[in-house]
Amino acid sequence: MNEVVVDLRTREEYAKGHLSESVNIPHTEFIEKAHRGELDKDTSYLLHCRSGGRVGIVMEEVKDLQLQNIQERFNEYAREHPESL
């Protein structure tokens, strides 16, 4: 199974700093893509944002996909790179 690390923050937040293996899909866009059937159901999406709030919104809205909250991993990155927030 494929895994994709998704940064749900805005493009501006992402540009300030992000996990190197992540792709940026703002949370509203991610939800829209899911509802349109544009996300691969055979992919495991590893989600994070700045505080975890957007992850919660997405996980509630898109329950049928394989989503995983990796917020703690991002929190560790943020502690090491506070300038990126």
PDB file of N, CA and C in Angstrom:
ATOM      1  N   MET A   1       0.832  -1.181   0.000  1.00  0.00           N
ATOM      2  CA  MET A   1       0.000   0.000   0.000  1.00  0.00           C
ATOM      3  C   MET A   1       0.882   1.252   0.000  1.00  0.00           C
ATOM      4  N   ASN A   2       0.499   2.212  -0.782  1.00  0.00           N
ATOM      5  CA  ASN A   2       1.204   3.491  -0.836  1.00  0.00           C
ATOM      6  C   ASN A   2       0.866   4.329   0.382  1.00  0.00           C
ATOM      7  N   GLU A   3       1.809   5.144   0.808  1.00  0.00           N
ATOM      8  CA  GLU A   3       1.583   6.106   1.878  1.00  0.00           C
ATOM      9  C   GLU A   3       1.980   7.486   1.371  1.00  0.00           C
ATOM     10  N   VAL A   4       1.164   8.479   1.699  1.00  0.00           N
ATOM     11  CA  VAL A   4       1.453   9.852   1.323  1.00  0.00           C
ATOM     12  C   VAL A   4       1.303  10.717   2.569  1.00  0.00           C
ATOM     13  N   VAL A   5       2.345  11.485   2.894  1.00  0.00           N
ATOM     14  CA  VAL A   5       2.301  12.426   4.010  1.00  0.00           C
ATOM     15  C   VAL A   5       1.683  13.720   3.478  1.00  0.00           C
ATOM     16  N   VAL A   6       0.561  14.121   4.066  1.00  0.00           N
ATOM     17  CA  VAL A   6      -0.165  15.303   3.596  1.00  0.00           C
ATOM     18  C   VAL A   6      -0.144  16.394   4.658  1.00  0.00           C
ATOM     19  N   ASP A   7       0.388  17.544   4.290  1.00  0.00           N
ATOM     20  CA  ASP A   7       0.380  18.734   5.128  1.00  0.00           C
ATOM     21  C   ASP A   7      -0.890  19.499   4.771  1.00  0.00           C
ATOM     22  N   LEU A   8      -1.812  19.617   5.728  1.00  0.00           N
ATOM     23  CA  LEU A   8      -3.119  20.212   5.478  1.00  0.00           C
ATOM     24  C   LEU A   8      -3.148  21.728   5.676  1.00  0.00           C
ATOM     25  N   ARG A   9      -1.998  22.323   5.945  1.00  0.00           N
ATOM     26  CA  ARG A   9      -1.963  23.769   6.175  1.00  0.00           C
ATOM     27  C   ARG A   9      -2.102  24.545   4.861  1.00  0.00           C
ATOM     28  N   THR A  10      -2.213  25.856   4.983  1.00  0.00           N
ATOM     29  CA  THR A  10      -2.311  26.699   3.790  1.00  0.00           C
ATOM     30  C   THR A  10      -0.982  26.657   3.031  1.00  0.00           C
ATOM     31  N   ARG A  11      -1.016  27.092   1.797  1.00  0.00           N
ATOM     32  CA  ARG A  11       0.208  27.125   0.989  1.00  0.00           C
ATOM     33  C   ARG A  11       1.258  28.047   1.620  1.00  0.00           C
ATOM     34  N   GLU A  12       0.796  29.156   2.214  1.00  0.00           N
ATOM     35  CA  GLU A  12       1.709  30.098   2.852  1.00  0.00           C
ATOM     36  C   GLU A  12       2.391  29.450   4.060  1.00  0.00           C
ATOM     37  N   GLU A  13       1.633  28.731   4.876  1.00  0.00           N
ATOM     38  CA  GLU A  13       2.214  28.044   6.029  1.00  0.00           C
ATOM     39  C   GLU A  13       3.215  26.987   5.569  1.00  0.00           C
ATOM     40  N   TYR A  14       2.834  26.234   4.562  1.00  0.00           N
ATOM     41  CA  TYR A  14       3.692  25.178   4.024  1.00  0.00           C
ATOM     42  C   TYR A  14       5.015  25.756   3.511  1.00  0.00           C
ATOM     43  N   ALA A  15       4.933  26.903   2.851  1.00  0.00           N
ATOM     44  CA  ALA A  15       6.131  27.521   2.278  1.00  0.00           C
ATOM     45  C   ALA A  15       7.140  27.932   3.347  1.00  0.00           C
ATOM     46  N   LYS A  16       6.670  28.206   4.565  1.00  0.00           N
ATOM     47  CA  LYS A  16       7.564  28.609   5.653  1.00  0.00           C
ATOM     48  C   LYS A  16       8.400  27.449   6.178  1.00  0.00           C
ATOM     49  N   GLY A  17       7.922  26.217   5.970  1.00  0.00           N
ATOM     50  CA  GLY A  17       8.648  25.046   6.423  1.00  0.00           C
ATOM     51  C   GLY A  17       7.724  23.857   6.522  1.00  0.00           C
ATOM     52  N   HIS A  18       8.238  22.677   6.178  1.00  0.00           N
ATOM     53  CA  HIS A  18       7.399  21.481   6.158  1.00  0.00           C
ATOM     54  C   HIS A  18       8.255  20.224   6.224  1.00  0.00           C
ATOM     55  N   LEU A  19       7.608  19.116   6.542  1.00  0.00           N
ATOM     56  CA  LEU A  19       8.295  17.833   6.514  1.00  0.00           C
ATOM     57  C   LEU A  19       8.733  17.579   5.077  1.00  0.00           C
ATOM     58  N   SER A  20       9.964  17.156   4.895  1.00  0.00           N
ATOM     59  CA  SER A  20      10.522  17.042   3.544  1.00  0.00           C
ATOM     60  C   SER A  20       9.749  16.079   2.645  1.00  0.00           C
ATOM     61  N   GLU A  21       9.158  15.041   3.214  1.00  0.00           N
ATOM     62  CA  GLU A  21       8.453  14.051   2.395  1.00  0.00           C
ATOM     63  C   GLU A  21       6.976  14.383   2.181  1.00  0.00           C
ATOM     64  N   SER A  22       6.545  15.543   2.675  1.00  0.00           N
ATOM     65  CA  SER A  22       5.116  15.861   2.599  1.00  0.00           C
ATOM     66  C   SER A  22       4.727  16.567   1.299  1.00  0.00           C
ATOM     67  N   VAL A  23       3.452  16.442   0.983  1.00  0.00           N
ATOM     68  CA  VAL A  23       2.836  17.220  -0.092  1.00  0.00           C
ATOM     69  C   VAL A  23       1.819  18.131   0.567  1.00  0.00           C
ATOM     70  N   ASN A  24       1.592  19.266  -0.034  1.00  0.00           N
ATOM     71  CA  ASN A  24       0.665  20.239   0.532  1.00  0.00           C
ATOM     72  C   ASN A  24      -0.676  20.181  -0.176  1.00  0.00           C
ATOM     73  N   ILE A  25      -1.698  19.827   0.593  1.00  0.00           N
ATOM     74  CA  ILE A  25      -3.078  19.897   0.116  1.00  0.00           C
ATOM     75  C   ILE A  25      -3.867  20.539   1.252  1.00  0.00           C
ATOM     76  N   PRO A  26      -4.174  21.836   1.159  1.00  0.00           N
ATOM     77  CA  PRO A  26      -4.927  22.479   2.231  1.00  0.00           C
ATOM     78  C   PRO A  26      -6.192  21.682   2.577  1.00  0.00           C
ATOM     79  N   HIS A  27      -6.576  21.723   3.849  1.00  0.00           N
ATOM     80  CA  HIS A  27      -7.619  20.823   4.342  1.00  0.00           C
ATOM     81  C   HIS A  27      -8.933  20.925   3.572  1.00  0.00           C
ATOM     82  N   THR A  28      -9.356  22.121   3.192  1.00  0.00           N
ATOM     83  CA  THR A  28     -10.614  22.235   2.441  1.00  0.00           C
ATOM     84  C   THR A  28     -10.486  21.596   1.065  1.00  0.00           C
ATOM     85  N   GLU A  29      -9.327  21.747   0.460  1.00  0.00           N
ATOM     86  CA  GLU A  29      -9.068  21.133  -0.841  1.00  0.00           C
ATOM     87  C   GLU A  29      -9.061  19.599  -0.731  1.00  0.00           C
ATOM     88  N   PHE A  30      -8.441  19.097   0.344  1.00  0.00           N
ATOM     89  CA  PHE A  30      -8.379  17.655   0.554  1.00  0.00           C
ATOM     90  C   PHE A  30      -9.794  17.085   0.671  1.00  0.00           C
ATOM     91  N   ILE A  31     -10.648  17.753   1.441  1.00  0.00           N
ATOM     92  CA  ILE A  31     -12.034  17.305   1.606  1.00  0.00           C
ATOM     93  C   ILE A  31     -12.764  17.326   0.268  1.00  0.00           C
ATOM     94  N   GLU A  32     -12.582  18.396  -0.504  1.00  0.00           N
ATOM     95  CA  GLU A  32     -13.236  18.490  -1.819  1.00  0.00           C
ATOM     96  C   GLU A  32     -12.772  17.371  -2.742  1.00  0.00           C
ATOM     97  N   LYS A  33     -11.464  17.117  -2.765  1.00  0.00           N
ATOM     98  CA  LYS A  33     -10.928  16.036  -3.607  1.00  0.00           C
ATOM     99  C   LYS A  33     -11.521  14.688  -3.191  1.00  0.00           C
ATOM    100  N   ALA A  34     -11.637  14.469  -1.893  1.00  0.00           N
ATOM    101  CA  ALA A  34     -12.205  13.211  -1.398  1.00  0.00           C
ATOM    102  C   ALA A  34     -13.651  13.054  -1.840  1.00  0.00           C
ATOM    103  N   HIS A  35     -14.436  14.111  -1.705  1.00  0.00           N
ATOM    104  CA  HIS A  35     -15.851  14.047  -2.086  1.00  0.00           C
ATOM    105  C   HIS A  35     -16.038  13.868  -3.597  1.00  0.00           C
ATOM    106  N   ARG A  36     -15.082  14.357  -4.371  1.00  0.00           N
ATOM    107  CA  ARG A  36     -15.153  14.181  -5.833  1.00  0.00           C
ATOM    108  C   ARG A  36     -14.574  12.844  -6.274  1.00  0.00           C
ATOM    109  N   GLY A  37     -14.043  12.055  -5.339  1.00  0.00           N
ATOM    110  CA  GLY A  37     -13.475  10.753  -5.675  1.00  0.00           C
ATOM    111  C   GLY A  37     -12.096  10.825  -6.294  1.00  0.00           C
ATOM    112  N   GLU A  38     -11.378  11.894  -6.046  1.00  0.00           N
ATOM    113  CA  GLU A  38     -10.064  12.097  -6.656  1.00  0.00           C
ATOM    114  C   GLU A  38      -8.900  11.542  -5.834  1.00  0.00           C
ATOM    115  N   LEU A  39      -9.180  10.988  -4.652  1.00  0.00           N
ATOM    116  CA  LEU A  39      -8.117  10.413  -3.831  1.00  0.00           C
ATOM    117  C   LEU A  39      -8.138   8.902  -3.976  1.00  0.00           C
ATOM    118  N   ASP A  40      -6.962   8.326  -4.056  1.00  0.00           N
ATOM    119  CA  ASP A  40      -6.819   6.882  -4.245  1.00  0.00           C
ATOM    120  C   ASP A  40      -7.193   6.138  -2.966  1.00  0.00           C
ATOM    121  N   LYS A  41      -8.181   5.277  -3.049  1.00  0.00           N
ATOM    122  CA  LYS A  41      -8.629   4.519  -1.878  1.00  0.00           C
ATOM    123  C   LYS A  41      -7.623   3.456  -1.453  1.00  0.00           C
ATOM    124  N   ASP A  42      -6.622   3.169  -2.273  1.00  0.00           N
ATOM    125  CA  ASP A  42      -5.588   2.209  -1.925  1.00  0.00           C
ATOM    126  C   ASP A  42      -4.351   2.889  -1.330  1.00  0.00           C
ATOM    127  N   THR A  43      -4.455   4.172  -1.078  1.00  0.00           N
ATOM    128  CA  THR A  43      -3.360   4.931  -0.493  1.00  0.00           C
ATOM    129  C   THR A  43      -3.695   5.260   0.954  1.00  0.00           C
ATOM    130  N   SER A  44      -2.703   5.149   1.822  1.00  0.00           N
ATOM    131  CA  SER A  44      -2.855   5.546   3.215  1.00  0.00           C
ATOM    132  C   SER A  44      -2.363   6.983   3.335  1.00  0.00           C
ATOM    133  N   TYR A  45      -3.244   7.877   3.752  1.00  0.00           N
ATOM    134  CA  TYR A  45      -2.909   9.292   3.875  1.00  0.00           C
ATOM    135  C   TYR A  45      -2.513   9.597   5.314  1.00  0.00           C
ATOM    136  N   LEU A  46      -1.291  10.093   5.505  1.00  0.00           N
ATOM    137  CA  LEU A  46      -0.755  10.442   6.813  1.00  0.00           C
ATOM    138  C   LEU A  46      -0.883  11.957   6.953  1.00  0.00           C
ATOM    139  N   LEU A  47      -1.794  12.397   7.791  1.00  0.00           N
ATOM    140  CA  LEU A  47      -2.180  13.799   7.845  1.00  0.00           C
ATOM    141  C   LEU A  47      -1.566  14.552   9.011  1.00  0.00           C
ATOM    142  N   HIS A  48      -1.248  15.823   8.770  1.00  0.00           N
ATOM    143  CA  HIS A  48      -0.859  16.719   9.855  1.00  0.00           C
ATOM    144  C   HIS A  48      -1.148  18.151   9.454  1.00  0.00           C
ATOM    145  N   CYS A  49      -1.196  19.021  10.472  1.00  0.00           N
ATOM    146  CA  CYS A  49      -1.361  20.456  10.257  1.00  0.00           C
ATOM    147  C   CYS A  49      -0.586  21.153  11.361  1.00  0.00           C
ATOM    148  N   ARG A  50      -0.932  22.363  11.702  1.00  0.00           N
ATOM    149  CA  ARG A  50      -0.166  23.067  12.735  1.00  0.00           C
ATOM    150  C   ARG A  50      -0.510  22.585  14.140  1.00  0.00           C
ATOM    151  N   SER A  51      -1.786  22.482  14.459  1.00  0.00           N
ATOM    152  CA  SER A  51      -2.176  22.134  15.831  1.00  0.00           C
ATOM    153  C   SER A  51      -2.973  20.841  15.936  1.00  0.00           C
ATOM    154  N   GLY A  52      -3.404  20.289  14.805  1.00  0.00           N
ATOM    155  CA  GLY A  52      -4.212  19.076  14.823  1.00  0.00           C
ATOM    156  C   GLY A  52      -5.680  19.318  14.534  1.00  0.00           C
ATOM    157  N   GLY A  53      -6.106  20.570  14.592  1.00  0.00           N
ATOM    158  CA  GLY A  53      -7.513  20.896  14.358  1.00  0.00           C
ATOM    159  C   GLY A  53      -7.991  20.546  12.957  1.00  0.00           C
ATOM    160  N   ARG A  54      -7.219  20.884  11.956  1.00  0.00           N
ATOM    161  CA  ARG A  54      -7.609  20.585  10.575  1.00  0.00           C
ATOM    162  C   ARG A  54      -7.582  19.091  10.305  1.00  0.00           C
ATOM    163  N   VAL A  55      -6.674  18.379  10.971  1.00  0.00           N
ATOM    164  CA  VAL A  55      -6.642  16.923  10.841  1.00  0.00           C
ATOM    165  C   VAL A  55      -7.968  16.348  11.337  1.00  0.00           C
ATOM    166  N   GLY A  56      -8.433  16.822  12.477  1.00  0.00           N
ATOM    167  CA  GLY A  56      -9.701  16.349  13.037  1.00  0.00           C
ATOM    168  C   GLY A  56     -10.869  16.607  12.119  1.00  0.00           C
ATOM    169  N   ILE A  57     -10.913  17.782  11.513  1.00  0.00           N
ATOM    170  CA  ILE A  57     -11.989  18.136  10.579  1.00  0.00           C
ATOM    171  C   ILE A  57     -11.984  17.180   9.396  1.00  0.00           C
ATOM    172  N   VAL A  58     -10.804  16.968   8.808  1.00  0.00           N
ATOM    173  CA  VAL A  58     -10.694  16.095   7.639  1.00  0.00           C
ATOM    174  C   VAL A  58     -11.079  14.665   7.999  1.00  0.00           C
ATOM    175  N   MET A  59     -10.572  14.174   9.123  1.00  0.00           N
ATOM    176  CA  MET A  59     -10.856  12.787   9.496  1.00  0.00           C
ATOM    177  C   MET A  59     -12.350  12.569   9.735  1.00  0.00           C
ATOM    178  N   GLU A  60     -13.034  13.575  10.255  1.00  0.00           N
ATOM    179  CA  GLU A  60     -14.477  13.464  10.472  1.00  0.00           C
ATOM    180  C   GLU A  60     -15.237  13.507   9.142  1.00  0.00           C
ATOM    181  N   GLU A  61     -14.801  14.361   8.247  1.00  0.00           N
ATOM    182  CA  GLU A  61     -15.487  14.548   6.956  1.00  0.00           C
ATOM    183  C   GLU A  61     -15.287  13.380   5.996  1.00  0.00           C
ATOM    184  N   VAL A  62     -14.148  12.718   6.079  1.00  0.00           N
ATOM    185  CA  VAL A  62     -13.769  11.717   5.087  1.00  0.00           C
ATOM    186  C   VAL A  62     -13.441  10.397   5.782  1.00  0.00           C
ATOM    187  N   LYS A  63     -14.408   9.815   6.421  1.00  0.00           N
ATOM    188  CA  LYS A  63     -14.196   8.615   7.235  1.00  0.00           C
ATOM    189  C   LYS A  63     -13.909   7.362   6.418  1.00  0.00           C
ATOM    190  N   ASP A  64     -14.295   7.317   5.142  1.00  0.00           N
ATOM    191  CA  ASP A  64     -14.150   6.087   4.355  1.00  0.00           C
ATOM    192  C   ASP A  64     -12.751   5.871   3.793  1.00  0.00           C
ATOM    193  N   LEU A  65     -11.880   6.856   3.895  1.00  0.00           N
ATOM    194  CA  LEU A  65     -10.507   6.691   3.409  1.00  0.00           C
ATOM    195  C   LEU A  65      -9.605   6.212   4.537  1.00  0.00           C
ATOM    196  N   GLN A  66      -8.469   5.676   4.170  1.00  0.00           N
ATOM    197  CA  GLN A  66      -7.496   5.234   5.164  1.00  0.00           C
ATOM    198  C   GLN A  66      -6.653   6.436   5.572  1.00  0.00           C
ATOM    199  N   LEU A  67      -7.068   7.071   6.647  1.00  0.00           N
ATOM    200  CA  LEU A  67      -6.392   8.264   7.125  1.00  0.00           C
ATOM    201  C   LEU A  67      -5.701   7.958   8.442  1.00  0.00           C
ATOM    202  N   GLN A  68      -4.546   8.566   8.638  1.00  0.00           N
ATOM    203  CA  GLN A  68      -3.809   8.389   9.878  1.00  0.00           C
ATOM    204  C   GLN A  68      -3.316   9.750  10.336  1.00  0.00           C
ATOM    205  N   ASN A  69      -3.495  10.033  11.612  1.00  0.00           N
ATOM    206  CA  ASN A  69      -3.053  11.291  12.181  1.00  0.00           C
ATOM    207  C   ASN A  69      -1.595  11.149  12.605  1.00  0.00           C
ATOM    208  N   ILE A  70      -0.708  11.937  12.004  1.00  0.00           N
ATOM    209  CA  ILE A  70       0.710  11.897  12.390  1.00  0.00           C
ATOM    210  C   ILE A  70       1.109  13.243  12.995  1.00  0.00           C
ATOM    211  N   GLN A  71       0.166  13.876  13.697  1.00  0.00           N
ATOM    212  CA  GLN A  71       0.391  15.198  14.265  1.00  0.00           C
ATOM    213  C   GLN A  71       1.618  15.237  15.172  1.00  0.00           C
ATOM    214  N   GLU A  72       1.829  14.206  15.976  1.00  0.00           N
ATOM    215  CA  GLU A  72       2.971  14.211  16.892  1.00  0.00           C
ATOM    216  C   GLU A  72       4.294  14.305  16.132  1.00  0.00           C
ATOM    217  N   ARG A  73       4.364  13.664  14.987  1.00  0.00           N
ATOM    218  CA  ARG A  73       5.577  13.741  14.165  1.00  0.00           C
ATOM    219  C   ARG A  73       5.820  15.177  13.711  1.00  0.00           C
ATOM    220  N   PHE A  74       4.743  15.867  13.321  1.00  0.00           N
ATOM    221  CA  PHE A  74       4.884  17.263  12.919  1.00  0.00           C
ATOM    222  C   PHE A  74       5.231  18.137  14.117  1.00  0.00           C
ATOM    223  N   ASN A  75       4.643  17.840  15.271  1.00  0.00           N
ATOM    224  CA  ASN A  75       4.942  18.621  16.471  1.00  0.00           C
ATOM    225  C   ASN A  75       6.430  18.550  16.808  1.00  0.00           C
ATOM    226  N   GLU A  76       7.037  17.385  16.642  1.00  0.00           N
ATOM    227  CA  GLU A  76       8.475  17.241  16.875  1.00  0.00           C
ATOM    228  C   GLU A  76       9.260  18.114  15.898  1.00  0.00           C
ATOM    229  N   TYR A  77       8.847  18.097  14.634  1.00  0.00           N
ATOM    230  CA  TYR A  77       9.493  18.933  13.619  1.00  0.00           C
ATOM    231  C   TYR A  77       9.365  20.409  14.017  1.00  0.00           C
ATOM    232  N   ALA A  78       8.173  20.813  14.449  1.00  0.00           N
ATOM    233  CA  ALA A  78       7.918  22.210  14.804  1.00  0.00           C
ATOM    234  C   ALA A  78       8.786  22.650  15.988  1.00  0.00           C
ATOM    235  N   ARG A  79       8.977  21.759  16.954  1.00  0.00           N
ATOM    236  CA  ARG A  79       9.839  22.095  18.097  1.00  0.00           C
ATOM    237  C   ARG A  79      11.277  22.326  17.630  1.00  0.00           C
ATOM    238  N   GLU A  80      11.712  21.567  16.658  1.00  0.00           N
ATOM    239  CA  GLU A  80      13.075  21.693  16.144  1.00  0.00           C
ATOM    240  C   GLU A  80      13.229  22.860  15.173  1.00  0.00           C
ATOM    241  N   HIS A  81      12.130  23.289  14.566  1.00  0.00           N
ATOM    242  CA  HIS A  81      12.159  24.359  13.557  1.00  0.00           C
ATOM    243  C   HIS A  81      11.076  25.399  13.849  1.00  0.00           C
ATOM    244  N   PRO A  82      11.144  26.085  14.979  1.00  0.00           N
ATOM    245  CA  PRO A  82      10.068  27.020  15.337  1.00  0.00           C
ATOM    246  C   PRO A  82       9.903  28.167  14.343  1.00  0.00           C
ATOM    247  N   GLU A  83      10.949  28.481  13.617  1.00  0.00           N
ATOM    248  CA  GLU A  83      10.869  29.556  12.624  1.00  0.00           C
ATOM    249  C   GLU A  83       9.952  29.197  11.459  1.00  0.00           C
ATOM    250  N   SER A  84       9.638  27.926  11.311  1.00  0.00           N
ATOM    251  CA  SER A  84       8.818  27.490  10.171  1.00  0.00           C
ATOM    252  C   SER A  84       7.326  27.651  10.444  1.00  0.00           C
ATOM    253  N   LEU A  85       6.963  28.084  11.634  1.00  0.00           N
ATOM    254  CA  LEU A  85       5.555  28.263  11.959  1.00  0.00           C
ATOM    255  C   LEU A  85       5.243  29.704  11.948  1.00  0.00           C
TER     256      LEU A  85
END
